[in-house]
C-alpha cells in the first residue's frame, strides 16, 4: 500500500525502546527467526531498495543491517526510492532484469509486481521464518496472488486502522469507554451522545470526522464497514466485483448515514487524511479513524499539532462489529520481495530472514510508529498498554483486499464512487437509489478492469 510514512516515532515501553545496539550484541534468543544457522560468511553484495521510511531512511537502515554485515560478510547497499516513482521503477526493474536483489513494496502492490514474472517464489524458504503460522491471516494474505501458487513476498511491517477517541469527551457525554464502540449500534449511540459535548477546554469539538475523496486511502476507511455487513470487494472467485451487493450497500449506507444525521463533521470531507489527523490532534474531533503512527506521536514533544488536553486523553478501540458479528479493519504496510535476476540469492534471502527477526522488526517498526508484521512481536507491543492492545486486536481481525494484479485501478474506481457518495451525503441527503447508482457504476468499472486481465 502506498502511503506517507510518519516521522520517527517515540519508542513505547520497554519492548519498543530496545535499540538496534542491543541486537548488535548478538543475542538472538527468543526470536523464532534468529540467524545462528547462517554463520557461514556468505560475502558479496546485496542491493536493497527501500522507500522513505522516516526522515532518515538510509541512515536507519545502514545502522539496522550493520550486525548482519559483520556476521555474514555481506555488504548491503541501500537505495532510497521515493513513493512517487517506486511503482514505475520496481515494474521496470522486474521486466528488464536490471534490478537490485531485494525491494520493499506496498502490500497491495505485491500481486501486480508478482504477476510480471520478475520476482522469486520464496515458498520453499518461508518455513525458515515460521511460515504462515508466524503471521496474522490478513498480514499473510498480502504475500499471495490469486491464481498463482507460491509466496511472493515476506511481510516486513504492518499498519491497521482503529478508532481514536477522546477519553474526556466520552466522560463528559456519560459514555462508558468499555462499551462505546463494540458494534455499529453502540458506535452510533456514542456519537449521538457526543453531540451534547459542544466544547472541551474552551474549544469547539465535533463527534466524528473522516476524510473524503482527497484522501488516497479513502477505501481503507469505508471498506471495513462493507466487510462488517457481510459484503466484499470481489466475488469469492475474484472474477467479479460485488461492491454493489446488498451487503456492501448496507455498509456504505451506514457511513453515509452518519453524515446525514449530523454525527460526521462534513467539513472534514474537504481534507485529506493528514489534515483530518491534525484536526483530532488539535482537539476539534472527538472520534476519528487512524493508524498506529498517530499513537506513536503522542509522546513526541516536537509534534506541535497536539493540544495538551488532546494529548493527555487519547483512547483507542478496535473498529466496531457490524451485522456479521465481527469488527473488521484494513491491514497494510510493506513487504519485501526478491527479484529473480538477483545474482546473490543466498545472501538476499539471508538479509530478508535477518529483517524478519522479532527484535529487528520491533526496532524498525517502532521508528516509524508501525507494528511488526510477526505475531509474537505484535503481542509484545500489544501488551504495553490498552491502546497498543487495541491495535493488536485490530490486526488479528484485519483483512486486506483480494490479492489480484488489477487491484490498484479497481481501488481507484471504488475511491471515486465512495467520494461521490460521501459528498452527496454531506450535502444533507442521499437516497438509497443514489447510493445504488454509484455502487453499480463502481461495479461496472471494476468488472471492465477484471475482464482486461493482467496484461
Protein backbone atom coordinates (compact mmCIF):
# COMPACT_ATOMS: atom_id res chain seq x y z
CA UNK A 1 0.00 0.00 0.00
CA UNK A 2 1.34 3.41 -0.91
CA UNK A 3 1.13 5.94 1.93
CA UNK A 4 3.19 8.61 3.51
CA UNK A 5 5.47 7.28 6.23
CA UNK A 6 5.27 9.16 9.51
CA UNK A 7 8.33 10.81 11.08
CA UNK A 8 10.41 8.89 13.61
CA UNK A 9 8.03 7.97 16.42
CA UNK A 10 8.72 7.81 20.12
CA UNK A 11 9.59 4.30 21.24
CA UNK A 12 6.96 2.99 23.58
CA UNK A 13 7.67 0.99 26.74
CA UNK A 14 10.48 -1.44 27.31
CA UNK A 15 9.78 -3.65 24.33
CA UNK A 16 9.61 -0.85 21.77
CA UNK A 17 12.50 1.05 23.38
CA UNK A 18 15.14 -1.63 22.78
CA UNK A 19 17.70 -0.19 20.43
CA UNK A 20 19.47 -1.70 17.49
CA UNK A 21 22.58 -1.59 19.63
CA UNK A 22 21.08 -4.34 21.80
CA UNK A 23 20.60 -6.53 18.73
CA UNK A 24 24.16 -5.80 17.69
CA UNK A 25 25.35 -7.61 20.80
CA UNK A 26 24.34 -10.82 19.01
CA UNK A 27 21.66 -12.03 21.44
CA UNK A 28 19.13 -13.74 19.18
CA UNK A 29 17.46 -15.71 21.97
CA UNK A 30 13.69 -15.53 21.97
CA UNK A 31 13.44 -14.94 18.25
CA UNK A 32 11.97 -17.66 16.09
CA UNK A 33 13.98 -16.32 13.14
CA UNK A 34 17.48 -15.91 14.52
CA UNK A 35 20.47 -16.14 12.22
CA UNK A 36 22.53 -18.66 14.20
CA UNK A 37 22.20 -21.09 11.29
CA UNK A 38 23.73 -18.54 8.94
CA UNK A 39 27.20 -18.47 10.47
CA UNK A 40 28.99 -19.09 7.18
CA UNK A 41 30.46 -15.97 5.63
CA UNK A 42 28.26 -15.51 2.58
CA UNK A 43 30.11 -12.49 1.24
CA UNK A 44 29.24 -10.46 -1.80
CA UNK A 45 26.77 -7.58 -2.06
CA UNK A 46 23.01 -7.32 -1.70
CA UNK A 47 21.35 -4.30 -3.27
CA UNK A 48 18.23 -3.24 -1.38
CA UNK A 49 15.59 -0.70 -2.40
CA UNK A 50 13.53 0.87 0.36
CA UNK A 51 11.04 3.73 0.39
CA UNK A 52 11.37 6.90 2.55
CA UNK A 53 10.56 5.15 5.83
CA UNK A 54 11.06 8.04 8.22
CA UNK A 55 13.18 11.20 7.95
CA UNK A 56 16.50 9.30 7.83
CA UNK A 57 15.65 6.10 5.93
CA UNK A 58 19.14 5.26 4.66
CA UNK A 59 20.88 6.04 7.93
CA UNK A 60 18.35 3.97 9.86
CA UNK A 61 18.71 1.01 7.51
CA UNK A 62 22.50 1.18 7.44
CA UNK A 63 22.53 1.01 11.25
CA UNK A 64 19.97 -1.80 11.29
CA UNK A 65 21.94 -4.09 8.95
CA UNK A 66 25.40 -3.45 10.41
CA UNK A 67 25.28 -6.58 12.66
CA UNK A 68 24.14 -8.63 9.64
CA UNK A 69 27.04 -7.38 7.56
CA UNK A 70 29.52 -8.15 10.34
CA UNK A 71 28.20 -11.69 10.82
CA UNK A 72 27.83 -12.72 7.17
CA UNK A 73 30.41 -10.63 5.35
CA UNK A 74 27.66 -9.39 3.03
CA UNK A 75 27.69 -5.73 2.07
CA UNK A 76 24.19 -4.24 1.96
CA UNK A 77 23.84 -1.35 -0.48
CA UNK A 78 20.65 0.52 0.34
CA UNK A 79 19.00 2.93 -2.07
CA UNK A 80 16.00 5.03 -1.06
CA UNK A 81 13.38 5.21 -3.81
CA UNK A 82 10.62 7.81 -3.50
CA UNK A 83 7.00 6.72 -3.25
CA UNK A 84 6.24 8.92 -6.24
CA UNK A 85 8.49 6.84 -8.53
CA UNK A 86 8.78 3.46 -6.83
CA UNK A 87 5.93 1.78 -8.69
CA UNK A 88 7.43 2.52 -12.11
CA UNK A 89 10.97 1.72 -11.02
CA UNK A 90 10.05 -1.65 -9.50
CA UNK A 91 7.91 -2.58 -12.50
CA UNK A 92 10.63 -1.62 -14.98
CA UNK A 93 13.30 -3.46 -12.99
CA UNK A 94 11.21 -6.63 -12.87
CA UNK A 95 10.60 -6.57 -16.61
CA UNK A 96 14.12 -5.63 -17.68
CA UNK A 97 16.07 -7.78 -15.24
CA UNK A 98 18.20 -4.72 -14.39
CA UNK A 99 17.22 -4.83 -10.75
CA UNK A 100 18.51 -4.85 -7.19
CA UNK A 101 18.33 -8.06 -5.19
CA UNK A 102 15.52 -7.12 -2.78
CA UNK A 103 12.92 -4.37 -2.75
CA UNK A 104 10.31 -3.01 -0.39
CA UNK A 105 6.81 -2.95 -1.87
CA UNK A 106 3.45 -1.78 -0.58
CA UNK A 107 1.28 -4.72 0.44
CA UNK A 108 -1.43 -4.03 -2.14
CA UNK A 109 1.20 -3.74 -4.89
CA UNK A 110 2.57 -7.26 -4.41
CA UNK A 111 0.08 -9.06 -6.71
CA UNK A 112 0.76 -6.70 -9.60
CA UNK A 113 4.50 -6.98 -9.26
CA UNK A 114 4.40 -10.77 -8.82
CA UNK A 115 2.33 -11.15 -11.99
CA UNK A 116 5.13 -9.51 -14.01
CA UNK A 117 7.16 -12.71 -13.65
CA UNK A 118 10.30 -10.96 -12.43
CA UNK A 119 10.13 -11.98 -8.78
CA UNK A 120 11.27 -15.08 -6.92
CA UNK A 121 8.76 -17.50 -5.44
CA UNK A 122 10.05 -17.87 -1.85
CA UNK A 123 7.53 -20.53 -0.85
CA UNK A 124 10.22 -23.16 -0.20
CA UNK A 125 12.14 -20.76 2.03
CA UNK A 126 9.43 -19.29 4.27
CA UNK A 127 9.50 -22.10 6.83
CA UNK A 128 12.87 -20.62 7.81
CA UNK A 129 10.92 -17.74 9.32
CA UNK A 130 7.97 -19.72 10.69
CA UNK A 131 5.82 -19.70 7.58
CA UNK A 132 2.16 -18.73 7.55
CA UNK A 133 1.68 -19.57 11.24
CA UNK A 134 4.01 -16.73 12.27
CA UNK A 135 1.68 -14.07 10.85
CA UNK A 136 -1.93 -12.94 11.28
CA UNK A 137 -4.19 -14.12 8.44
CA UNK A 138 -4.70 -10.68 6.94
CA UNK A 139 -0.97 -10.00 7.00
CA UNK A 140 -0.06 -13.31 5.36
CA UNK A 141 -2.62 -12.80 2.60
CA UNK A 142 -0.53 -9.86 1.36
CA UNK A 143 2.14 -12.37 0.24
CA UNK A 144 -0.22 -14.33 -2.03
CA UNK A 145 -1.54 -13.86 -5.57
CA UNK A 146 -4.83 -15.23 -6.85
CA UNK A 147 -4.28 -17.90 -9.50
CA UNK A 148 -0.56 -18.25 -8.83
CA UNK A 149 0.81 -20.87 -6.47
CA UNK A 150 3.64 -19.64 -4.32
CA UNK A 151 4.64 -16.98 -1.82
CA UNK A 152 5.80 -13.77 -3.44
CA UNK A 153 6.79 -11.54 -0.55
CA UNK A 154 7.72 -11.53 3.10
CA UNK A 155 5.77 -9.25 5.49
CA UNK A 156 8.02 -6.54 6.92
CA UNK A 157 5.96 -4.00 8.88
CA UNK A 158 2.24 -3.66 9.40
CA UNK A 159 -0.33 -0.95 9.87
CA UNK A 160 -4.01 -1.18 10.66
CA UNK A 161 -6.89 1.22 11.30
CA UNK A 162 -8.68 1.67 14.62
CA UNK A 163 -10.93 4.22 16.31
CA UNK A 164 -9.21 7.05 18.17
CA UNK A 165 -11.33 8.83 20.76
CA UNK A 166 -11.09 11.50 23.40
CA UNK A 167 -11.45 9.99 26.86
CA UNK A 168 -12.54 13.30 28.37
CA UNK A 169 -15.22 13.74 25.70
CA UNK A 170 -16.71 10.32 26.44
CA UNK A 171 -16.65 11.04 30.16
CA UNK A 172 -18.42 14.37 29.69
CA UNK A 173 -21.03 12.67 27.47
CA UNK A 174 -21.61 9.94 30.08
CA UNK A 175 -20.37 7.12 27.84
CA UNK A 176 -18.57 4.04 29.16
CA UNK A 177 -15.33 3.51 27.21
CA UNK A 178 -15.64 -0.26 27.58
CA UNK A 179 -18.85 -0.41 25.56
CA UNK A 180 -18.70 2.77 23.49
CA UNK A 181 -17.63 1.18 20.22
CA UNK A 182 -18.43 -2.51 20.47
CA UNK A 183 -20.77 -2.57 17.46
CA UNK A 184 -22.50 -0.27 14.99
CA UNK A 185 -25.39 0.48 17.35
CA UNK A 186 -23.02 1.38 20.18
CA UNK A 187 -20.85 3.45 17.84
CA UNK A 188 -23.80 5.46 16.59
CA UNK A 189 -25.26 5.87 20.09
CA UNK A 190 -21.90 7.14 21.34
CA UNK A 191 -21.73 9.73 18.57
CA UNK A 192 -25.29 10.82 19.37
CA UNK A 193 -24.30 11.44 22.99
CA UNK A 194 -21.14 13.24 21.93
CA UNK A 195 -23.30 15.78 20.10
CA UNK A 196 -24.11 17.21 23.53
CA UNK A 197 -20.43 17.96 24.11
CA UNK A 198 -20.14 21.29 22.34
CA UNK A 199 -16.63 22.15 23.53
CA UNK A 200 -13.69 20.87 25.53
CA UNK A 201 -11.01 23.09 27.01
CA UNK A 202 -12.81 26.09 25.60
CA UNK A 203 -12.56 24.79 22.03
CA UNK A 204 -15.49 23.57 19.87
CA UNK A 205 -15.47 19.84 19.10
CA UNK A 206 -17.38 17.61 16.67
CA UNK A 207 -18.43 13.99 17.39
CA UNK A 208 -16.67 12.33 14.43
CA UNK A 209 -14.63 13.13 11.35
CA UNK A 210 -13.08 11.22 8.47
CA UNK A 211 -11.55 12.34 5.15
CA UNK A 212 -13.29 12.30 1.80
CA UNK A 213 -12.14 11.98 -1.79
CA UNK A 214 -8.91 13.92 -1.20
CA UNK A 215 -7.58 11.04 0.91
CA UNK A 216 -5.63 8.47 -1.12
CA UNK A 217 -6.67 5.87 1.47
CA UNK A 218 -10.40 6.62 1.47
CA UNK A 219 -11.23 2.99 0.61
CA UNK A 220 -9.42 1.84 3.77
CA UNK A 221 -11.88 3.91 5.82
CA UNK A 222 -15.05 2.71 4.11
CA UNK A 223 -14.34 -0.92 3.23
CA UNK A 224 -14.30 -2.18 6.87
CA UNK A 225 -17.98 -1.27 7.11
CA UNK A 226 -18.65 -3.17 3.88
CA UNK A 227 -16.91 -6.21 5.37
CA UNK A 228 -18.80 -5.77 8.66
CA UNK A 229 -22.10 -6.03 6.79
CA UNK A 230 -21.07 -9.26 5.06
CA UNK A 231 -20.03 -7.56 1.82
CA UNK A 232 -16.80 -7.93 -0.12
CA UNK A 233 -14.86 -6.07 -2.76
CA UNK A 234 -14.95 -9.05 -5.14
CA UNK A 235 -16.72 -12.38 -5.56
CA UNK A 236 -15.30 -15.47 -3.89
CA UNK A 237 -13.60 -16.49 -7.15
CA UNK A 238 -12.22 -12.94 -7.57
CA UNK A 239 -13.68 -12.69 -11.07
CA UNK A 240 -16.50 -10.18 -10.48
CA UNK A 241 -16.99 -7.05 -8.44
CA UNK A 242 -19.52 -7.32 -5.62
CA UNK A 243 -19.34 -3.72 -4.42
CA UNK A 244 -22.98 -3.18 -5.41
CA UNK A 245 -24.30 -6.19 -3.46
CA UNK A 246 -26.99 -5.54 -0.83
CA UNK A 247 -24.45 -6.30 1.92
CA UNK A 248 -21.86 -3.89 0.53
CA UNK A 249 -24.55 -1.26 0.08
CA UNK A 250 -25.58 -1.66 3.73
CA UNK A 251 -22.03 -0.90 4.86
CA UNK A 252 -21.72 2.19 2.69
CA UNK A 253 -25.19 3.38 3.76
CA UNK A 254 -24.13 3.18 7.41
CA UNK A 255 -21.21 5.52 6.78
CA UNK A 256 -23.29 7.91 4.67
CA UNK A 257 -25.97 7.90 7.37
CA UNK A 258 -23.51 9.33 9.88
CA UNK A 259 -23.23 12.38 7.64
CA UNK A 260 -26.92 12.87 7.03
CA UNK A 261 -27.57 12.50 10.78
CA UNK A 262 -25.11 15.25 11.64
CA UNK A 263 -22.80 12.88 13.52
CA UNK A 264 -19.96 13.16 10.98
CA UNK A 265 -18.44 16.60 10.50
CA UNK A 266 -18.98 17.26 6.80
CA UNK A 267 -16.19 19.87 6.69
CA UNK A 268 -13.68 17.03 7.07
CA UNK A 269 -14.63 15.76 3.61
CA UNK A 270 -12.62 18.62 2.13
CA UNK A 271 -9.45 17.47 3.92
CA UNK A 272 -7.01 14.66 3.25
CA UNK A 273 -6.05 12.06 5.83
CA UNK A 274 -3.16 14.02 7.36
CA UNK A 275 -5.31 17.13 7.70
CA UNK A 276 -8.08 15.20 9.48
CA UNK A 277 -5.45 13.57 11.70
CA UNK A 278 -4.35 17.05 12.74
CA UNK A 279 -7.95 18.02 13.43
CA UNK A 280 -8.08 15.23 16.01
CA UNK A 281 -4.71 16.20 17.45
CA UNK A 282 -5.86 19.80 17.63
CA UNK A 283 -8.90 18.90 19.72
CA UNK A 284 -11.59 19.52 17.11
CA UNK A 285 -12.78 15.90 16.76
CA UNK A 286 -13.89 13.51 19.50
CA UNK A 287 -13.59 10.36 17.33
CA UNK A 288 -11.52 9.59 14.25
CA UNK A 289 -10.19 6.54 12.36
CA UNK A 290 -6.39 6.36 12.23
CA UNK A 291 -3.29 4.19 12.11
CA UNK A 292 -0.65 3.35 14.73
CA UNK A 293 1.73 6.10 13.62
CA UNK A 294 -0.58 8.63 15.32
CA UNK A 295 -0.35 6.79 18.64
CA UNK A 296 3.43 6.81 18.27
CA UNK A 297 3.36 10.61 18.04
CA UNK A 298 1.55 11.15 21.37
CA UNK A 299 4.77 11.24 23.40
CA UNK A 300 6.67 13.31 20.85
CA UNK A 301 7.05 16.82 22.21
CA UNK A 302 8.13 18.05 18.77
CA UNK A 303 4.72 17.20 17.26
CA UNK A 304 3.12 20.58 17.81
CA UNK A 305 -0.19 19.54 16.21
CA UNK A 306 -1.26 18.10 19.55
CA UNK A 307 -3.02 20.32 22.06
CA UNK A 308 -2.05 19.42 25.64
CA UNK A 309 -5.56 18.28 26.58
CA UNK A 310 -5.97 16.10 23.46
CA UNK A 311 -2.53 14.57 24.00
CA UNK A 312 -3.46 13.54 27.55
CA UNK A 313 -6.82 11.98 26.65
CA UNK A 314 -6.20 9.57 23.76
CA UNK A 315 -8.11 6.31 23.79
CA UNK A 316 -8.20 3.64 21.08
CA UNK A 317 -10.75 0.94 20.30
CA UNK A 318 -10.89 -1.69 17.53
CA UNK A 319 -13.36 -0.98 14.75
CA UNK A 320 -16.98 -1.78 15.75
CA UNK A 321 -18.56 -5.05 14.71
CA UNK A 322 -21.45 -5.00 12.26
CA UNK A 323 -24.30 -7.31 11.25
CA UNK A 324 -21.98 -10.27 10.66
CA UNK A 325 -20.81 -10.06 14.27
CA UNK A 326 -17.17 -9.13 13.72
CA UNK A 327 -15.39 -5.81 13.53
CA UNK A 328 -13.01 -5.88 10.57
CA UNK A 329 -10.29 -3.40 9.73
CA UNK A 330 -7.88 -2.87 6.88
CA UNK A 331 -4.32 -4.10 7.40
CA UNK A 332 -1.50 -2.97 5.17
CA UNK A 333 2.09 -1.85 5.39
CA UNK A 334 5.11 -3.04 3.40
CA UNK A 335 6.62 -6.35 2.34
CA UNK A 336 10.00 -7.46 0.99
CA UNK A 337 10.33 -9.10 -2.45
CA UNK A 338 13.32 -10.81 -4.09
CA UNK A 339 13.99 -10.25 -7.79
CA UNK A 340 14.52 -13.32 -9.96
CA UNK A 341 17.50 -11.60 -11.55
CA UNK A 342 19.38 -11.44 -8.23
CA UNK A 343 22.94 -12.75 -8.63
CA UNK A 344 23.28 -13.45 -4.91
CA UNK A 345 20.02 -15.10 -3.83
CA UNK A 346 21.51 -16.88 -0.81
CA UNK A 347 22.68 -13.58 0.64
CA UNK A 348 19.45 -11.84 -0.40
CA UNK A 349 17.40 -14.42 1.47
CA UNK A 350 19.74 -14.20 4.46
CA UNK A 351 19.03 -10.45 4.60
CA UNK A 352 15.28 -10.97 4.32
CA UNK A 353 15.49 -13.56 7.08
CA UNK A 354 17.53 -11.21 9.26
CA UNK A 355 14.98 -8.41 8.77
CA UNK A 356 12.29 -10.89 9.90
CA UNK A 357 13.79 -11.41 13.34
CA UNK A 358 11.35 -10.45 16.07
CA UNK A 359 13.59 -7.85 17.69
CA UNK A 360 14.76 -6.37 14.40
CA UNK A 361 11.15 -5.96 13.30
CA UNK A 362 10.27 -4.41 16.66
CA UNK A 363 13.08 -1.88 16.45
CA UNK A 364 12.40 -0.88 12.85
CA UNK A 365 8.62 -0.68 13.17
CA UNK A 366 8.93 1.45 16.30
CA UNK A 367 10.98 4.04 14.43
CA UNK A 368 8.01 4.55 12.11
CA UNK A 369 5.16 4.23 14.56
CA UNK A 370 4.12 0.99 12.86
CA UNK A 371 3.67 -2.57 14.12
CA UNK A 372 5.95 -5.51 13.39
CA UNK A 373 4.47 -8.00 10.93
CA UNK A 374 5.04 -11.11 13.02
CA UNK A 375 2.53 -12.20 15.67
CA UNK A 376 4.95 -12.63 18.58
CA UNK A 377 6.45 -9.12 18.49
CA UNK A 378 2.95 -7.79 17.82
CA UNK A 379 1.82 -9.45 21.04
CA UNK A 380 4.71 -7.86 22.93
CA UNK A 381 3.80 -4.42 21.59
CA UNK A 382 0.11 -5.01 22.33
CA UNK A 383 0.91 -5.87 25.95
CA UNK A 384 2.43 -2.44 26.57
CA UNK A 385 -0.87 -0.68 27.33
CA UNK A 386 -4.56 -0.70 26.45
CA UNK A 387 -4.13 1.49 23.36
CA UNK A 388 -1.47 -0.69 21.80
CA UNK A 389 -3.56 -3.68 22.84
CA UNK A 390 -6.46 -2.30 20.81
CA UNK A 391 -4.26 -2.14 17.72
CA UNK A 392 -3.02 -5.68 18.30
CA UNK A 393 -6.63 -6.90 18.46
CA UNK A 394 -7.49 -4.93 15.32
CA UNK A 395 -4.63 -6.52 13.37
CA UNK A 396 -5.73 -10.04 14.35
CA UNK A 397 -9.19 -9.22 12.92
CA UNK A 398 -7.72 -7.43 9.94
CA UNK A 399 -8.40 -8.02 6.29
CA UNK A 400 -6.76 -6.85 3.12
CA UNK A 401 -8.07 -6.68 -0.40
CA UNK A 402 -8.24 -9.55 -2.85
CA UNK A 403 -4.61 -10.22 -3.94
CA UNK A 404 -5.09 -9.67 -7.67
CA UNK A 405 -2.85 -7.73 -10.06
CA UNK A 406 -5.67 -5.38 -11.08
CA UNK A 407 -6.45 -4.19 -7.54
CA UNK A 408 -4.75 -0.78 -7.89
CA UNK A 409 -7.06 0.64 -10.59
CA UNK A 410 -10.08 -1.09 -9.05
CA UNK A 411 -9.37 0.63 -5.75
CA UNK A 412 -9.22 3.97 -7.58
CA UNK A 413 -12.64 3.28 -9.14
CA UNK A 414 -14.10 2.49 -5.71
CA UNK A 415 -12.45 5.55 -4.18
CA UNK A 416 -14.04 7.88 -6.72
CA UNK A 417 -17.52 6.44 -6.16
CA UNK A 418 -17.20 6.40 -2.37
CA UNK A 419 -16.11 10.04 -2.59
CA UNK A 420 -19.18 10.92 -4.64
CA UNK A 421 -21.46 9.22 -2.11
CA UNK A 422 -19.91 10.99 0.86
CA UNK A 423 -20.03 14.36 -0.90
CA UNK A 424 -23.72 13.96 -1.63
CA UNK A 425 -24.47 12.75 1.90
CA UNK A 426 -22.50 15.70 3.25
CA UNK A 427 -24.84 17.96 1.32
CA UNK A 428 -27.65 16.88 3.61
CA UNK A 429 -29.39 13.96 1.97
CA UNK A 430 -28.82 10.97 -0.25
CA UNK A 431 -31.32 8.34 -1.31
CA UNK A 432 -30.84 4.60 -1.44
CA UNK A 433 -31.21 4.88 -5.21
CA UNK A 434 -28.36 7.40 -5.36
CA UNK A 435 -26.07 5.06 -3.41
CA UNK A 436 -27.08 2.10 -5.57
CA UNK A 437 -26.32 4.07 -8.75
CA UNK A 438 -22.84 5.00 -7.58
CA UNK A 439 -22.00 1.47 -6.43
CA UNK A 440 -23.35 -0.02 -9.65
CA UNK A 441 -21.08 2.36 -11.54
CA UNK A 442 -18.11 1.24 -9.45
CA UNK A 443 -19.01 -2.40 -10.05
CA UNK A 444 -19.22 -1.88 -13.82
CA UNK A 445 -15.82 -0.15 -13.91
CA UNK A 446 -14.23 -2.87 -11.78
CA UNK A 447 -15.67 -5.65 -13.94
CA UNK A 448 -14.19 -3.98 -17.03
CA UNK A 449 -10.79 -3.94 -15.35
CA UNK A 450 -11.11 -7.57 -14.32
CA UNK A 451 -12.03 -8.52 -17.88
CA UNK A 452 -8.81 -6.96 -19.15
CA UNK A 453 -6.75 -9.47 -17.17
CA UNK A 454 -3.21 -8.67 -16.09
CA UNK A 455 -1.84 -7.73 -19.45
